[in-house]
Amino acid sequence: MDDLVKQVVERTGISEEQARQAVQVVLGFVKDRLPGPIAAHVDQLVGGQGQSAGGAGGLDIGNLGNMLGGMFGGEHN
């Protein structure tokens, strides 16, 4: 989750604490709308158990928003 918080700080200029709160709110929103088993994978991913940057078995956290964007009516990049 620290990588995601860091990206929010860099892209928005808000404090780390504000970014951490924002990430937690967004992740809660996403997890509430996903089936249980998938929501558990989100926890693993942001909890540091998954690997970032598309490593073996991992998922690129930086692209999480793009991957989920279509689910909430956003555009994919």
C-alpha atoms as a PDB file:
ATOM      1  CA  MET A   1       0.000   0.000   0.000  1.00  0.00           C
ATOM      2  CA  ASP A   2       2.948   2.292   0.599  1.00  0.00           C
ATOM      3  CA  ASP A   3       3.687   2.444  -3.139  1.00  0.00           C
ATOM      4  CA  LEU A   4       0.109   3.468  -3.868  1.00  0.00           C
ATOM      5  CA  VAL A   5       0.154   6.112  -1.124  1.00  0.00           C
ATOM      6  CA  LYS A   6       3.432   7.449  -2.510  1.00  0.00           C
ATOM      7  CA  GLN A   7       1.907   7.764  -5.996  1.00  0.00           C
ATOM      8  CA  VAL A   8      -1.102   9.641  -4.599  1.00  0.00           C
ATOM      9  CA  VAL A   9       1.216  12.052  -2.739  1.00  0.00           C
ATOM     10  CA  GLU A  10       3.330  12.644  -5.850  1.00  0.00           C
ATOM     11  CA  ARG A  11       0.386  13.132  -8.192  1.00  0.00           C
ATOM     12  CA  THR A  12      -1.786  15.262  -5.937  1.00  0.00           C
ATOM     13  CA  GLY A  13       0.585  17.045  -3.587  1.00  0.00           C
ATOM     14  CA  ILE A  14      -1.470  16.142  -0.509  1.00  0.00           C
ATOM     15  CA  SER A  15       0.183  14.966   2.703  1.00  0.00           C
ATOM     16  CA  GLU A  16       1.098  11.330   3.217  1.00  0.00           C
ATOM     17  CA  GLU A  17      -1.527  10.969   5.957  1.00  0.00           C
ATOM     18  CA  GLN A  18      -4.242  12.401   3.701  1.00  0.00           C
ATOM     19  CA  ALA A  19      -3.136  10.131   0.866  1.00  0.00           C
ATOM     20  CA  ARG A  20      -3.188   7.083   3.159  1.00  0.00           C
ATOM     21  CA  GLN A  21      -6.734   7.938   4.264  1.00  0.00           C
ATOM     22  CA  ALA A  22      -7.839   8.453   0.659  1.00  0.00           C
ATOM     23  CA  VAL A  23      -6.345   5.127  -0.425  1.00  0.00           C
ATOM     24  CA  GLN A  24      -8.055   3.329   2.447  1.00  0.00           C
ATOM     25  CA  VAL A  25     -11.416   4.865   1.534  1.00  0.00           C
ATOM     26  CA  VAL A  26     -11.055   3.958  -2.144  1.00  0.00           C
ATOM     27  CA  LEU A  27      -9.915   0.417  -1.378  1.00  0.00           C
ATOM     28  CA  GLY A  28     -12.848  -0.045   0.995  1.00  0.00           C
ATOM     29  CA  PHE A  29     -15.212   1.187  -1.711  1.00  0.00           C
ATOM     30  CA  VAL A  30     -13.716  -1.191  -4.280  1.00  0.00           C
ATOM     31  CA  LYS A  31     -13.660  -4.201  -1.959  1.00  0.00           C
ATOM     32  CA  ASP A  32     -17.301  -3.660  -0.947  1.00  0.00           C
ATOM     33  CA  ARG A  33     -18.292  -4.035  -4.599  1.00  0.00           C
ATOM     34  CA  LEU A  34     -16.187  -7.088  -5.423  1.00  0.00           C
ATOM     35  CA  PRO A  35     -16.975 -10.739  -4.714  1.00  0.00           C
ATOM     36  CA  GLY A  36     -15.325 -11.932  -1.485  1.00  0.00           C
ATOM     37  CA  PRO A  37     -12.525 -13.987  -3.042  1.00  0.00           C
ATOM     38  CA  ILE A  38     -11.500 -11.119  -5.316  1.00  0.00           C
ATOM     39  CA  ALA A  39     -11.682  -8.608  -2.462  1.00  0.00           C
ATOM     40  CA  ALA A  40      -9.268 -10.834  -0.518  1.00  0.00           C
ATOM     41  CA  HIS A  41      -6.810 -10.573  -3.417  1.00  0.00           C
ATOM     42  CA  VAL A  42      -7.017  -6.778  -3.194  1.00  0.00           C
ATOM     43  CA  ASP A  43      -6.052  -7.060   0.491  1.00  0.00           C
ATOM     44  CA  GLN A  44      -3.099  -9.264  -0.411  1.00  0.00           C
ATOM     45  CA  LEU A  45      -2.021  -6.920  -3.174  1.00  0.00           C
ATOM     46  CA  VAL A  46      -1.989  -3.723  -1.161  1.00  0.00           C
ATOM     47  CA  GLY A  47      -0.872  -5.445   1.994  1.00  0.00           C
ATOM     48  CA  GLY A  48       2.496  -6.128   0.416  1.00  0.00           C
ATOM     49  CA  GLN A  49       1.923  -9.840  -0.129  1.00  0.00           C
ATOM     50  CA  GLY A  50       1.558  -9.441  -3.888  1.00  0.00           C
ATOM     51  CA  GLN A  51       4.471  -8.317  -6.001  1.00  0.00           C
ATOM     52  CA  SER A  52       4.356  -5.007  -7.788  1.00  0.00           C
ATOM     53  CA  ALA A  53       5.429  -4.185 -11.322  1.00  0.00           C
ATOM     54  CA  GLY A  54       3.956  -7.379 -12.708  1.00  0.00           C
ATOM     55  CA  GLY A  55       6.473  -9.678 -11.011  1.00  0.00           C
ATOM     56  CA  ALA A  56       5.876 -13.408 -10.884  1.00  0.00           C
ATOM     57  CA  GLY A  57       2.342 -13.810  -9.646  1.00  0.00           C
ATOM     58  CA  GLY A  58       2.155 -10.103  -8.961  1.00  0.00           C
ATOM     59  CA  LEU A  59       0.148  -7.201 -10.210  1.00  0.00           C
ATOM     60  CA  ASP A  60       1.243  -3.689 -11.083  1.00  0.00           C
ATOM     61  CA  ILE A  61      -0.332  -1.505  -8.401  1.00  0.00           C
ATOM     62  CA  GLY A  62       0.167   1.566 -10.565  1.00  0.00           C
ATOM     63  CA  ASN A  63      -2.271   0.132 -13.104  1.00  0.00           C
ATOM     64  CA  LEU A  64      -4.890  -0.989 -10.589  1.00  0.00           C
ATOM     65  CA  GLY A  65      -7.028   2.071 -11.306  1.00  0.00           C
ATOM     66  CA  ASN A  66      -6.876   1.451 -15.041  1.00  0.00           C
ATOM     67  CA  MET A  67      -7.851  -2.179 -14.623  1.00  0.00           C
ATOM     68  CA  LEU A  68     -10.814  -1.366 -12.380  1.00  0.00           C
ATOM     69  CA  GLY A  69     -11.851   1.827 -14.197  1.00  0.00           C
ATOM     70  CA  GLY A  70     -14.266   0.088 -16.541  1.00  0.00           C
ATOM     71  CA  MET A  71     -16.042  -1.456 -13.590  1.00  0.00           C
ATOM     72  CA  PHE A  72     -17.015   2.011 -12.372  1.00  0.00           C
ATOM     73  CA  GLY A  73     -17.675   3.624 -15.746  1.00  0.00           C
ATOM     74  CA  GLY A  74     -14.169   5.033 -16.296  1.00  0.00           C
ATOM     75  CA  GLU A  75     -12.023   4.682 -19.368  1.00  0.00           C
ATOM     76  CA  HIS A  76      -9.171   2.232 -19.757  1.00  0.00           C
ATOM     77  CA  ASN A  77      -5.780   3.664 -20.717  1.00  0.00           C
END
